[in-house]
Protein backbone atom coordinates (compact mmCIF):
# COMPACT_ATOMS: atom_id res chain seq x y z
CA UNK A 1 63.26 -57.58 45.31
CA UNK A 2 67.05 -57.87 44.66
CA UNK A 3 68.77 -56.64 41.56
CA UNK A 4 69.84 -60.06 40.84
CA UNK A 5 66.20 -61.08 41.07
CA UNK A 6 65.06 -58.32 38.68
CA UNK A 7 67.93 -59.52 36.26
CA UNK A 8 66.66 -63.16 36.25
CA UNK A 9 63.37 -62.08 35.54
CA UNK A 10 63.81 -59.67 32.63
CA UNK A 11 66.19 -62.44 31.04
CA UNK A 12 63.11 -64.85 31.31
CA UNK A 13 60.70 -62.27 29.54
CA UNK A 14 63.41 -61.54 26.98
CA UNK A 15 63.67 -65.47 26.20
CA UNK A 16 60.01 -65.86 26.25
CA UNK A 17 59.51 -62.92 23.95
CA UNK A 18 62.11 -64.51 21.49
CA UNK A 19 60.57 -67.92 21.97
CA UNK A 20 57.29 -66.57 20.85
CA UNK A 21 59.00 -64.68 18.03
CA UNK A 22 60.54 -68.10 16.61
CA UNK A 23 57.19 -69.90 16.83
CA UNK A 24 55.63 -67.51 15.04
CA UNK A 25 58.39 -67.43 12.18
CA UNK A 26 59.22 -71.02 12.29
CA UNK A 27 56.36 -72.86 13.73
CA UNK A 28 54.62 -75.11 13.97
CA UNK A 29 52.24 -73.69 16.86
CA UNK A 30 52.49 -72.64 20.41
CA UNK A 31 52.06 -76.05 21.88
CA UNK A 32 53.57 -76.80 25.38
CA UNK A 33 56.15 -79.02 23.41
CA UNK A 34 57.26 -76.35 21.08
CA UNK A 35 57.49 -73.73 23.53
CA UNK A 36 59.69 -75.98 25.44
CA UNK A 37 61.89 -76.85 22.52
CA UNK A 38 62.31 -73.12 21.40
CA UNK A 39 62.79 -71.88 24.74
CA UNK A 40 65.45 -74.28 25.30
CA UNK A 41 66.89 -73.00 21.85
CA UNK A 42 67.11 -69.33 22.64
CA UNK A 43 68.54 -69.91 26.27
CA UNK A 44 71.41 -72.05 24.49
CA UNK A 45 71.65 -74.44 27.50
CA UNK A 46 71.47 -77.36 25.04
CA UNK A 47 74.29 -77.11 22.25
CA UNK A 48 73.05 -80.17 20.61
CA UNK A 49 69.53 -79.30 20.32
CA UNK A 50 70.69 -75.72 19.26
CA UNK A 51 72.53 -77.60 16.47
CA UNK A 52 69.56 -79.75 15.40
CA UNK A 53 67.24 -76.84 15.07
CA UNK A 54 69.39 -74.64 13.18
CA UNK A 55 70.19 -77.94 10.63
CA UNK A 56 66.31 -78.47 10.35
CA UNK A 57 65.34 -74.76 10.00
CA UNK A 58 68.37 -74.46 7.38
CA UNK A 59 66.81 -77.48 5.35
CA UNK A 60 63.14 -77.04 5.71
CA UNK A 61 62.62 -73.45 6.53
CA UNK A 62 60.33 -74.17 9.38
CA UNK A 63 59.57 -76.99 11.97
CA UNK A 64 57.09 -79.59 11.69
CA UNK A 65 55.07 -81.18 14.49
CA UNK A 66 57.02 -84.29 13.73
CA UNK A 67 60.27 -82.54 14.10
CA UNK A 68 59.08 -80.59 17.47
CA UNK A 69 58.08 -84.07 18.90
CA UNK A 70 61.25 -85.67 17.72
CA UNK A 71 63.56 -82.72 19.30
CA UNK A 72 61.54 -82.74 22.53
CA UNK A 73 61.81 -86.76 23.09
CA UNK A 74 65.50 -86.58 22.08
CA UNK A 75 66.83 -83.65 24.06
CA UNK A 76 64.28 -82.52 26.55
CA UNK A 77 62.80 -85.97 27.69
CA UNK A 78 65.43 -87.00 30.25
CA UNK A 79 63.73 -90.45 30.31
CA UNK A 80 64.01 -90.60 26.50
CA UNK A 81 67.33 -92.51 26.61
CA UNK A 82 66.56 -94.72 29.38
CA UNK A 83 63.62 -95.83 27.59
CA UNK A 84 65.37 -96.51 24.52
CA UNK A 85 67.84 -98.48 26.36
CA UNK A 86 65.04 -100.29 28.15
CA UNK A 87 63.44 -101.18 24.82
CA UNK A 88 66.56 -102.29 23.50
CA UNK A 89 67.24 -104.53 26.69
CA UNK A 90 63.90 -105.95 26.59
CA UNK A 91 64.36 -106.99 22.93
CA UNK A 92 67.94 -108.47 23.60
CA UNK A 93 66.63 -110.50 26.57
CA UNK A 94 63.68 -111.71 24.66
CA UNK A 95 66.01 -112.84 21.98
CA UNK A 96 68.31 -114.33 24.51
CA UNK A 97 65.30 -116.34 25.92
CA UNK A 98 64.22 -117.50 22.28
CA UNK A 99 67.66 -118.86 21.57
CA UNK A 100 67.86 -120.85 25.06
CA UNK A 101 64.37 -122.10 24.35
CA UNK A 102 65.48 -123.18 21.07
CA UNK A 103 68.62 -125.04 22.80
CA UNK A 104 66.47 -126.52 25.30
CA UNK A 105 64.16 -128.08 22.68
CA UNK A 106 67.04 -129.15 20.70
CA UNK A 107 68.81 -130.91 23.56
CA UNK A 108 65.50 -132.51 24.70
CA UNK A 109 65.10 -133.73 21.20
CA UNK A 110 68.43 -135.11 20.91
CA UNK A 111 68.16 -136.78 24.51
CA UNK A 112 64.92 -138.51 23.68
CA UNK A 113 66.32 -139.92 20.31
CA UNK A 114 69.37 -140.87 22.08
CA UNK A 115 67.18 -142.88 24.88
CA UNK A 116 65.02 -144.59 21.83
CA UNK A 117 68.33 -145.71 20.30
CA UNK A 118 69.60 -147.13 23.70
CA UNK A 119 66.18 -149.11 24.06
CA UNK A 120 66.26 -150.39 20.83
CA UNK A 121 69.94 -151.26 21.19
CA UNK A 122 69.34 -153.22 24.70
CA UNK A 123 66.23 -155.05 22.64
CA UNK A 124 68.69 -156.38 20.11
CA UNK A 125 71.19 -157.20 22.82
CA UNK A 126 68.65 -159.29 24.62
CA UNK A 127 68.28 -161.57 21.61
CA UNK A 128 67.60 -161.36 17.84
CA UNK A 129 63.76 -160.89 17.78
CA UNK A 130 61.66 -162.64 15.30
CA UNK A 131 60.25 -161.18 12.06
CA UNK A 132 57.43 -159.27 13.80
CA UNK A 133 59.67 -157.86 16.57
CA UNK A 134 62.37 -156.83 14.20
CA UNK A 135 59.81 -155.10 11.87
CA UNK A 136 58.33 -153.35 15.24
CA UNK A 137 61.86 -152.03 16.15
CA UNK A 138 62.86 -150.82 12.59
CA UNK A 139 59.38 -148.93 12.40
CA UNK A 140 60.04 -147.30 15.74
CA UNK A 141 63.52 -146.43 14.76
CA UNK A 142 62.17 -144.74 11.26
CA UNK A 143 59.55 -143.10 13.45
CA UNK A 144 61.70 -141.53 15.93
CA UNK A 145 64.35 -140.50 13.42
CA UNK A 146 61.41 -139.01 11.06
CA UNK A 147 60.59 -136.86 14.25
CA UNK A 148 63.88 -135.52 15.19
CA UNK A 149 64.72 -134.77 11.32
CA UNK A 150 61.17 -132.69 11.64
CA UNK A 151 62.19 -131.09 14.81
CA UNK A 152 65.54 -130.35 13.64
CA UNK A 153 64.13 -128.40 10.66
CA UNK A 154 61.76 -126.52 12.65
CA UNK A 155 64.65 -125.60 15.04
CA UNK A 156 66.93 -124.54 12.05
CA UNK A 157 64.22 -122.21 10.95
CA UNK A 158 63.63 -120.63 14.32
CA UNK A 159 67.54 -120.01 14.56
CA UNK A 160 67.53 -118.27 11.51
CA UNK A 161 64.89 -116.26 12.23
CA UNK A 162 66.47 -115.36 15.52
CA UNK A 163 69.70 -114.50 13.90
CA UNK A 164 68.10 -112.10 11.71
CA UNK A 165 66.57 -110.37 14.50
CA UNK A 166 70.09 -110.19 16.34
CA UNK A 167 71.57 -108.89 13.29
CA UNK A 168 68.99 -106.02 12.97
CA UNK A 169 69.67 -105.43 16.75
CA UNK A 170 73.16 -105.09 16.23
CA UNK A 171 72.63 -102.80 13.11
CA UNK A 172 70.39 -100.44 15.45
CA UNK A 173 72.97 -100.37 18.20
CA UNK A 174 75.86 -99.44 15.88
CA UNK A 175 73.85 -96.78 14.42
CA UNK A 176 73.02 -95.39 17.80
CA UNK A 177 76.44 -95.48 18.98
CA UNK A 178 77.83 -93.67 15.95
CA UNK A 179 75.03 -91.43 16.29
CA UNK A 180 76.44 -90.38 19.83
CA UNK A 181 79.91 -89.94 18.50
CA UNK A 182 78.79 -87.47 15.57
CA UNK A 183 78.51 -83.72 15.29
CA UNK A 184 74.84 -83.26 13.92
CA UNK A 185 75.76 -80.03 12.01
CA UNK A 186 78.77 -81.07 10.31
CA UNK A 187 78.74 -85.12 10.39
CA UNK A 188 82.31 -84.94 12.06
CA UNK A 189 83.05 -86.66 14.97
CA UNK A 190 82.28 -84.47 18.05
CA UNK A 191 84.40 -83.64 21.04
CA UNK A 192 83.78 -87.13 22.83
CA UNK A 193 85.00 -89.17 19.82
CA UNK A 194 87.71 -86.80 19.01
CA UNK A 195 89.15 -87.19 22.40
CA UNK A 196 88.93 -91.21 22.00
CA UNK A 197 90.59 -91.10 18.94
CA UNK A 198 93.27 -88.91 19.92
CA UNK A 199 94.07 -91.12 22.89
CA UNK A 200 94.07 -94.35 20.51
CA UNK A 201 96.35 -92.68 17.99
CA UNK A 202 98.78 -91.80 20.40
CA UNK A 203 98.63 -95.18 21.84
CA UNK A 204 99.05 -96.78 18.57
CA UNK A 205 102.02 -94.56 17.43
CA UNK A 206 103.64 -95.95 20.51
CA UNK A 207 103.26 -99.58 20.03
CA UNK A 208 104.91 -99.28 16.53
CA UNK A 209 107.41 -96.66 17.67
CA UNK A 210 106.01 -94.28 14.95
CA UNK A 211 104.78 -90.84 14.77
CA UNK A 212 101.51 -89.16 14.43
CA UNK A 213 100.32 -85.46 14.33
CA UNK A 214 97.51 -83.13 15.50
CA UNK A 215 96.17 -80.10 13.49
CA UNK A 216 93.86 -77.65 15.27
CA UNK A 217 91.88 -75.30 13.02
CA UNK A 218 89.86 -72.42 13.81
CA UNK A 219 87.60 -69.95 11.68
CA UNK A 220 89.13 -66.37 11.76
CA UNK A 221 86.58 -63.75 12.59
CA UNK A 222 83.78 -66.29 12.99
CA UNK A 223 81.97 -64.59 15.63
CA UNK A 224 81.92 -61.36 13.70
CA UNK A 225 80.81 -63.21 10.53
CA UNK A 226 78.01 -65.05 12.61
CA UNK A 227 76.82 -61.89 14.10
CA UNK A 228 76.84 -59.94 10.82
CA UNK A 229 74.89 -62.71 8.57
CA UNK A 230 73.18 -64.70 11.07
CA UNK A 231 73.50 -68.09 12.58
CA UNK A 232 72.10 -70.20 9.61
CA UNK A 233 75.04 -68.68 7.51
CA UNK A 234 77.25 -69.41 9.99
CA UNK A 235 76.16 -73.07 10.11
CA UNK A 236 76.88 -72.91 6.33
CA UNK A 237 80.33 -71.91 6.80
CA UNK A 238 81.10 -74.74 9.48
CA UNK A 239 79.50 -77.27 6.92
CA UNK A 240 81.99 -75.67 4.22
CA UNK A 241 84.85 -76.17 6.21
CA UNK A 242 83.90 -79.58 7.19
CA UNK A 243 83.59 -80.50 3.44
CA UNK A 244 87.16 -79.14 2.60
CA UNK A 245 88.59 -80.86 5.42
CA UNK A 246 86.91 -84.17 4.21
CA UNK A 247 88.38 -83.65 0.60
CA UNK A 248 91.86 -82.49 1.54
CA UNK A 249 93.04 -84.06 4.78
CA UNK A 250 93.59 -87.53 3.26
CA UNK A 251 91.68 -91.05 3.90
CA UNK A 252 93.60 -91.93 7.03
CA UNK A 253 92.72 -88.54 8.73
CA UNK A 254 90.01 -88.66 11.73
CA UNK A 255 88.22 -85.35 11.38
CA UNK A 256 86.31 -83.84 14.35
CA UNK A 257 84.37 -80.68 15.40
CA UNK A 258 84.85 -80.14 19.05
CA UNK A 259 83.99 -76.79 20.00
CA UNK A 260 82.18 -73.78 18.19
CA UNK A 261 84.38 -73.01 15.13
CA UNK A 262 87.14 -75.10 16.16
CA UNK A 263 88.17 -78.33 14.44
CA UNK A 264 90.57 -81.17 14.80
CA UNK A 265 92.46 -83.36 12.34
CA UNK A 266 94.31 -86.38 13.50
CA UNK A 267 96.88 -87.57 11.23
CA UNK A 268 98.13 -91.36 12.19
CA UNK A 269 101.55 -91.99 11.15
CA UNK A 270 102.18 -88.65 9.94
CA UNK A 271 105.32 -86.67 10.50
CA UNK A 272 106.19 -82.82 10.44
CA UNK A 273 106.33 -82.57 6.83
CA UNK A 274 103.20 -84.48 6.04
CA UNK A 275 100.98 -82.61 8.48
CA UNK A 276 102.24 -79.38 7.47
CA UNK A 277 101.45 -80.02 3.81
CA UNK A 278 97.90 -81.51 4.84
CA UNK A 279 97.37 -78.26 6.76
CA UNK A 280 98.51 -75.91 4.14
CA UNK A 281 96.02 -78.03 1.60
CA UNK A 282 93.29 -77.55 4.00
CA UNK A 283 94.12 -73.70 4.49
CA UNK A 284 94.49 -72.75 0.79
CA UNK A 285 91.41 -74.74 -0.24
CA UNK A 286 88.96 -73.07 2.52
CA UNK A 287 90.37 -69.46 1.25
CA UNK A 288 89.68 -70.60 -2.46
CA UNK A 289 86.23 -71.11 -1.72
CA UNK A 290 83.66 -68.21 -2.18
CA UNK A 291 80.72 -68.48 0.06
CA UNK A 292 77.19 -67.61 -1.21
CA UNK A 293 74.24 -67.14 0.83
CA UNK A 294 71.68 -69.59 -0.08
CA UNK A 295 68.38 -67.68 0.57
CA UNK A 296 69.42 -64.53 -2.03
CA UNK A 297 72.36 -65.89 -4.11
CA UNK A 298 74.42 -62.89 -2.66
CA UNK A 299 78.34 -63.56 -2.31
CA UNK A 300 79.61 -63.20 1.04
CA UNK A 301 83.05 -63.18 0.13
CA UNK A 302 85.80 -65.83 1.45
CA UNK A 303 86.51 -67.08 4.97
CA UNK A 304 89.98 -68.24 6.42
CA UNK A 305 91.19 -70.30 8.93
CA UNK A 306 94.23 -70.56 11.24
CA UNK A 307 95.79 -73.45 12.11
CA UNK A 308 98.20 -75.06 14.62
CA UNK A 309 100.06 -78.37 13.93
CA UNK A 310 101.90 -80.52 16.64
CA UNK A 311 103.75 -83.75 16.32
CA UNK A 312 103.88 -86.46 19.12
CA UNK A 313 106.87 -86.33 21.50
CA UNK A 314 108.02 -88.95 23.65
CA UNK A 315 106.03 -88.54 27.11
CA UNK A 316 103.03 -86.62 25.31
CA UNK A 317 99.52 -87.05 27.02
CA UNK A 318 96.59 -86.39 24.59
CA UNK A 319 96.03 -83.21 26.85
CA UNK A 320 99.85 -81.97 26.12
CA UNK A 321 99.63 -82.80 22.56
CA UNK A 322 96.28 -80.96 22.19
CA UNK A 323 97.63 -78.09 24.25
CA UNK A 324 100.61 -77.47 22.14
CA UNK A 325 98.73 -77.71 18.62
CA UNK A 326 96.18 -75.16 20.27
CA UNK A 327 99.16 -72.88 21.12
CA UNK A 328 100.67 -73.08 17.59
CA UNK A 329 97.01 -72.08 16.49
CA UNK A 330 96.88 -69.09 18.78
CA UNK A 331 100.55 -68.21 17.30
CA UNK A 332 99.00 -68.16 13.92
CA UNK A 333 96.22 -65.97 15.01
CA UNK A 334 98.50 -63.67 16.52
CA UNK A 335 100.69 -63.58 13.40
CA UNK A 336 97.98 -62.24 10.93
CA UNK A 337 95.54 -65.27 10.75
CA UNK A 338 95.00 -67.55 7.51
CA UNK A 339 98.24 -69.36 8.13
CA UNK A 340 99.77 -72.73 9.69
CA UNK A 341 102.32 -72.94 12.60
CA UNK A 342 103.77 -75.82 13.55
CA UNK A 343 105.33 -76.64 16.85
CA UNK A 344 108.98 -76.12 16.47
CA UNK A 345 111.00 -74.20 18.90
CA UNK A 346 111.06 -71.19 16.74
CA UNK A 347 107.56 -71.05 16.26
CA UNK A 348 106.46 -71.40 20.00
CA UNK A 349 109.08 -69.05 21.10
CA UNK A 350 106.78 -66.42 19.62
CA UNK A 351 104.37 -67.06 22.53
CA UNK A 352 105.56 -64.34 24.82
């Protein structure tokens, strides 16, 4: 057996042992689904599943059978999304068929009523009928009108019901869309949404011949902190930074966590002065918070962040703007951390 095969086998055994330990500590039981979820977690091959497991264990202290089922269905059952999409499609098609049926009934009722009116008009055109004939025409007209009125009330009720179903579907689809664009741990936008928002912000700035800015934020020494105190406390740090960003970035800011301990702040219509001000406010606010370990109440001290600020330039692509902000953040790291650096020529000259 090759050295590589031995290495793979040893890694698998190590992952399996870690999986059993986590099932024992966090539950619920060693079912095949639970094993699959925890094995995927320790292998770190599904980051979104990892974030979800961390969040649930932080909130509850353990996983329930229902949690395992939800995690398995959402992240491991590759047919889950297809099934959900298929279910929604079937409901939508059903509602379309219902609306079509209603319209057909309405058109049929209207056509029948029109034919009745034309027949009565022809009878009158053929000559004024006697009293009995006129009474019959009037009775027919009243009966036909009453039937149409009843049908219209039924159709109106069915249309209201269908409209309610469609509105419920719209809300579900919107919730699903938002969930797909959200980082589960922090509630901020995920990388996909961040990239879409950055592209849209640049296009909007160009359309109005204005400006916009981008801030990249990275937590200082996060890996060392995470290794020292554990991933649950590390997650607490990530959520704390997200909270500070929400409180201080401004109402127009678009916030995202797009990788590990790295965050983005998109500032529409913000020039360099405003972007620097936001960056400094966020930096100072993060540094001013004391982190407390929830399980013991132990003070873990303070954390700091390094920030890079880039202002939109003519000809910038989203990738170019992101790269420049990231470069400024690197300069801040190399300059001692816990600081904000913008993309002036002087700052960028420090990269050598």
